[in-house]
Amino acid sequence: MRVASGPVDGVGVVDEGGRLRLLGSAGAGAAFGVVLVVLVASSWTATTTGLLVGLGVPAGLVGAGAGVWTQLRSWRAGGGYERSVAVQRWVAEGHVPATVPAEEWVPALQAQADREGAGWGKVVLCVLWTAMTLSMADQHGPLLTALLVALWLGIGLWSVLWVIPRARAARALLRRGVSTGPHPTGPHPAGPHPPGPHPPGPHPPGPDPEEPHPTGP
């Protein structure tokens, strides 16, 4: 499936990495479409190669288009492709540049952190769907059972290995706040100090320059 390399409305210019992500979304959508249609059709007929070709291929094309549209919609909601990539880079590097205003990075990181709940929800569904699929293996047959289990495990692994860790990293970054760099610390620079009273605290031994020296007879 060919994806556009120029500017996309509401998304901006998509580079090579973005096009690979679109292809991945298309593949995942195609797999989901094929499995869904074959699962529904298997209630009335046996799962055969002809069924996979006759219904699975059109469903895969529709699913691929839906996967690409979903990814583009996610980028639009995040402010465009470049902003979405920047937010992911902040999370991966563990800091936000000091030049980014808080009204931009706070809601962006909050949106990333909020995905943790959805990730755990997919993990729970993965476990339930896998158990249900295995319990109905005699009805679906080995081919459809293998496709379903692979799909559910793929969704669960994606959540465990990518969605949840990224969401937790974004939440930790929100707690730390924007990285502005260390403040200079250490001894005061050498040179004459401005006149005035000495700061409170112990003074080094020796005569105080502000007090007159004692004189004898």
Protein backbone atom coordinates (compact mmCIF):
# COMPACT_ATOMS: atom_id res chain seq x y z
CA MET A 1 0.00 0.00 0.00
CA ARG A 2 1.48 3.33 -1.05
CA VAL A 3 1.24 6.25 1.33
CA ALA A 4 1.68 9.91 0.57
CA SER A 5 5.09 11.48 1.19
CA GLY A 6 4.08 15.14 0.85
CA PRO A 7 2.15 17.39 3.20
CA VAL A 8 -1.08 15.90 4.52
CA ASP A 9 -3.95 18.12 5.57
CA GLY A 10 -3.80 18.71 9.32
CA VAL A 11 -0.72 16.46 9.67
CA GLY A 12 2.07 18.18 7.78
CA VAL A 13 5.00 16.56 6.03
CA VAL A 14 5.47 12.88 6.90
CA ASP A 15 9.05 11.61 6.74
CA GLU A 16 10.33 8.08 6.16
CA GLY A 17 9.72 7.04 9.76
CA GLY A 18 6.15 8.29 9.56
CA ARG A 19 5.53 6.41 6.33
CA LEU A 20 6.77 3.22 7.95
CA ARG A 21 4.35 3.78 10.83
CA LEU A 22 1.53 4.26 8.33
CA LEU A 23 2.47 1.00 6.64
CA GLY A 24 2.48 -0.72 10.03
CA SER A 25 -0.95 0.70 10.82
CA ALA A 26 -2.19 -0.48 7.43
CA GLY A 27 -0.89 -3.99 8.09
CA ALA A 28 -2.47 -4.16 11.52
CA GLY A 29 -5.77 -2.86 10.18
CA ALA A 30 -5.70 -5.38 7.34
CA ALA A 31 -5.07 -8.26 9.74
CA PHE A 32 -7.90 -7.15 11.98
CA GLY A 33 -10.29 -6.79 9.04
CA VAL A 34 -9.48 -10.25 7.69
CA VAL A 35 -9.85 -11.96 11.06
CA LEU A 36 -13.08 -10.15 11.88
CA VAL A 37 -14.81 -10.98 8.61
CA VAL A 38 -13.65 -14.59 8.60
CA LEU A 39 -14.73 -14.97 12.22
CA VAL A 40 -18.23 -13.74 11.39
CA ALA A 41 -18.47 -15.83 8.21
CA SER A 42 -17.33 -18.97 10.01
CA SER A 43 -20.62 -18.99 11.89
CA TRP A 44 -22.39 -20.00 8.65
CA THR A 45 -19.74 -21.85 6.68
CA ALA A 46 -16.46 -23.69 7.11
CA THR A 47 -13.21 -21.76 7.03
CA THR A 48 -11.52 -22.51 3.72
CA THR A 49 -8.91 -20.91 1.47
CA GLY A 50 -11.68 -19.72 -0.84
CA LEU A 51 -13.34 -17.95 2.08
CA LEU A 52 -10.10 -16.25 3.03
CA VAL A 53 -9.55 -15.03 -0.53
CA GLY A 54 -13.13 -14.10 -1.37
CA LEU A 55 -13.96 -12.25 1.84
CA GLY A 56 -10.61 -11.78 3.53
CA VAL A 57 -8.89 -9.78 0.78
CA PRO A 58 -11.61 -7.09 0.47
CA ALA A 59 -11.90 -6.92 4.25
CA GLY A 60 -8.12 -6.56 4.50
CA LEU A 61 -8.13 -3.61 2.10
CA VAL A 62 -10.88 -1.89 4.07
CA GLY A 63 -9.04 -2.58 7.32
CA ALA A 64 -5.78 -1.21 5.90
CA GLY A 65 -7.51 2.03 4.93
CA ALA A 66 -9.08 2.26 8.38
CA GLY A 67 -5.67 1.74 10.02
CA VAL A 68 -4.07 4.55 8.00
CA TRP A 69 -7.00 6.87 8.72
CA THR A 70 -6.78 6.12 12.45
CA GLN A 71 -3.05 6.93 12.53
CA LEU A 72 -3.53 10.18 10.62
CA ARG A 73 -6.36 11.14 12.95
CA SER A 74 -4.10 10.52 15.95
CA TRP A 75 -1.43 12.81 14.50
CA ARG A 76 -3.98 15.53 13.78
CA ALA A 77 -5.27 15.34 17.34
CA GLY A 78 -1.69 15.68 18.60
CA GLY A 79 -1.03 18.87 16.65
CA GLY A 80 0.48 17.32 13.53
CA TYR A 81 3.12 14.74 12.74
CA GLU A 82 6.12 16.87 13.73
CA ARG A 83 4.62 17.74 17.12
CA SER A 84 3.73 14.09 17.77
CA VAL A 85 7.31 13.06 16.97
CA ALA A 86 8.65 15.83 19.22
CA VAL A 87 6.50 14.63 22.14
CA GLN A 88 7.73 11.07 21.67
CA ARG A 89 11.30 12.35 21.62
CA TRP A 90 10.73 14.23 24.90
CA VAL A 91 9.44 11.03 26.48
CA ALA A 92 12.31 8.92 25.12
CA GLU A 93 14.99 11.42 26.23
CA GLY A 94 13.35 12.13 29.57
CA HIS A 95 13.29 15.93 29.36
CA VAL A 96 11.47 18.80 27.69
CA PRO A 97 13.48 21.66 26.17
CA ALA A 98 13.27 24.84 28.21
CA THR A 99 12.16 26.78 25.12
CA VAL A 100 8.84 24.89 24.97
CA PRO A 101 6.11 26.76 26.91
CA ALA A 102 4.19 24.90 29.59
CA GLU A 103 0.85 25.37 27.81
CA GLU A 104 2.21 23.16 25.02
CA TRP A 105 4.17 20.38 26.74
CA VAL A 106 1.85 19.83 29.72
CA PRO A 107 -1.28 18.82 27.73
CA ALA A 108 0.85 16.88 25.23
CA LEU A 109 2.50 14.78 27.94
CA GLN A 110 -0.80 14.42 29.79
CA ALA A 111 -2.38 12.92 26.67
CA GLN A 112 0.49 10.43 26.47
CA ALA A 113 0.18 9.55 30.16
CA ASP A 114 -3.58 8.98 29.86
CA ARG A 115 -2.95 6.12 27.43
CA GLU A 116 -1.82 3.83 30.23
CA GLY A 117 -5.41 2.99 31.16
CA ALA A 118 -6.26 2.09 27.58
CA GLY A 119 -3.13 -0.05 27.39
CA TRP A 120 -4.06 -2.08 30.46
CA GLY A 121 -7.60 -2.44 29.11
CA LYS A 122 -6.21 -4.00 25.93
CA VAL A 123 -4.10 -6.39 28.00
CA VAL A 124 -7.18 -7.57 29.90
CA LEU A 125 -9.14 -7.98 26.66
CA CYS A 126 -6.21 -9.87 25.13
CA VAL A 127 -6.30 -12.42 27.95
CA LEU A 128 -10.08 -12.82 27.76
CA TRP A 129 -10.22 -13.06 23.95
CA THR A 130 -7.34 -15.55 23.83
CA ALA A 131 -9.00 -17.79 26.42
CA MET A 132 -12.34 -17.55 24.58
CA THR A 133 -10.71 -18.35 21.24
CA LEU A 134 -8.92 -21.41 22.60
CA SER A 135 -12.13 -22.66 24.20
CA MET A 136 -13.85 -22.52 20.78
CA ALA A 137 -11.02 -24.10 18.78
CA ASP A 138 -13.17 -27.08 17.78
CA GLN A 139 -15.78 -24.75 16.28
CA HIS A 140 -13.41 -22.37 14.44
CA GLY A 141 -10.83 -24.85 13.23
CA PRO A 142 -7.03 -24.65 13.57
CA LEU A 143 -6.48 -21.97 10.89
CA LEU A 144 -8.89 -19.38 12.25
CA THR A 145 -7.89 -20.20 15.84
CA ALA A 146 -4.23 -19.52 15.03
CA LEU A 147 -5.11 -16.22 13.31
CA LEU A 148 -7.21 -15.06 16.24
CA VAL A 149 -4.66 -16.00 18.88
CA ALA A 150 -1.89 -14.25 16.92
CA LEU A 151 -4.02 -11.10 16.63
CA TRP A 152 -4.95 -10.98 20.32
CA LEU A 153 -1.37 -11.65 21.43
CA GLY A 154 -0.08 -8.97 19.08
CA ILE A 155 -2.43 -6.41 20.59
CA GLY A 156 -1.45 -7.41 24.12
CA LEU A 157 2.29 -7.35 23.43
CA TRP A 158 2.05 -3.95 21.76
CA SER A 159 0.37 -2.57 24.86
CA VAL A 160 2.84 -4.16 27.29
CA LEU A 161 6.02 -3.33 25.38
CA TRP A 162 5.15 0.08 23.95
CA VAL A 163 1.95 1.81 25.08
CA ILE A 164 2.20 1.29 28.85
CA PRO A 165 5.96 2.03 29.22
CA ARG A 166 5.61 5.21 27.14
CA ALA A 167 2.62 6.36 29.17
CA ARG A 168 4.48 5.78 32.44
CA ALA A 169 7.54 7.64 31.15
CA ALA A 170 5.34 10.58 30.15
CA ARG A 171 3.72 10.64 33.58
CA ALA A 172 7.14 10.60 35.27
CA LEU A 173 8.27 13.46 33.04
CA LEU A 174 5.19 15.43 34.00
CA ARG A 175 6.09 15.05 37.66
CA ARG A 176 9.63 16.23 37.12
CA GLY A 177 8.62 19.17 34.99
CA VAL A 178 10.51 20.94 32.25
CA SER A 179 14.28 20.58 32.24
CA THR A 180 15.88 24.01 32.37
CA GLY A 181 19.43 22.88 33.03
CA PRO A 182 21.47 23.13 36.24
CA HIS A 183 21.94 26.44 37.97
CA PRO A 184 25.53 27.58 38.49
CA THR A 185 26.83 26.69 41.92
CA GLY A 186 30.22 26.76 43.61
CA PRO A 187 32.62 29.37 44.96
CA HIS A 188 32.12 33.02 44.12
CA PRO A 189 34.30 34.36 41.34
CA ALA A 190 37.56 35.96 42.29
CA GLY A 191 37.81 39.73 42.41
CA PRO A 192 36.93 42.66 44.63
CA HIS A 193 33.62 42.46 46.43
CA PRO A 194 31.32 45.46 46.59
CA PRO A 195 31.52 47.53 49.76
CA GLY A 196 28.97 46.99 52.44
CA PRO A 197 28.35 45.07 55.62
CA HIS A 198 29.62 41.52 55.84
CA PRO A 199 27.04 38.74 55.52
CA PRO A 200 26.04 37.03 58.76
CA GLY A 201 28.09 34.04 59.81
CA PRO A 202 31.59 33.33 61.09
CA HIS A 203 34.42 35.47 59.74
CA PRO A 204 37.96 34.33 59.07
CA PRO A 205 40.57 35.13 61.78
CA GLY A 206 42.31 38.47 61.59
CA PRO A 207 41.42 42.11 62.08
CA ASP A 208 38.15 43.39 60.72
CA PRO A 209 38.93 46.02 58.07
CA GLU A 210 35.91 48.04 59.12
CA GLU A 211 37.05 48.40 62.76
CA PRO A 212 39.94 50.73 63.81
CA HIS A 213 43.09 49.05 65.03
CA PRO A 214 43.86 49.55 68.74
CA THR A 215 46.56 52.15 69.45
CA GLY A 216 48.91 52.24 72.40
CA PRO A 217 50.19 55.14 74.52
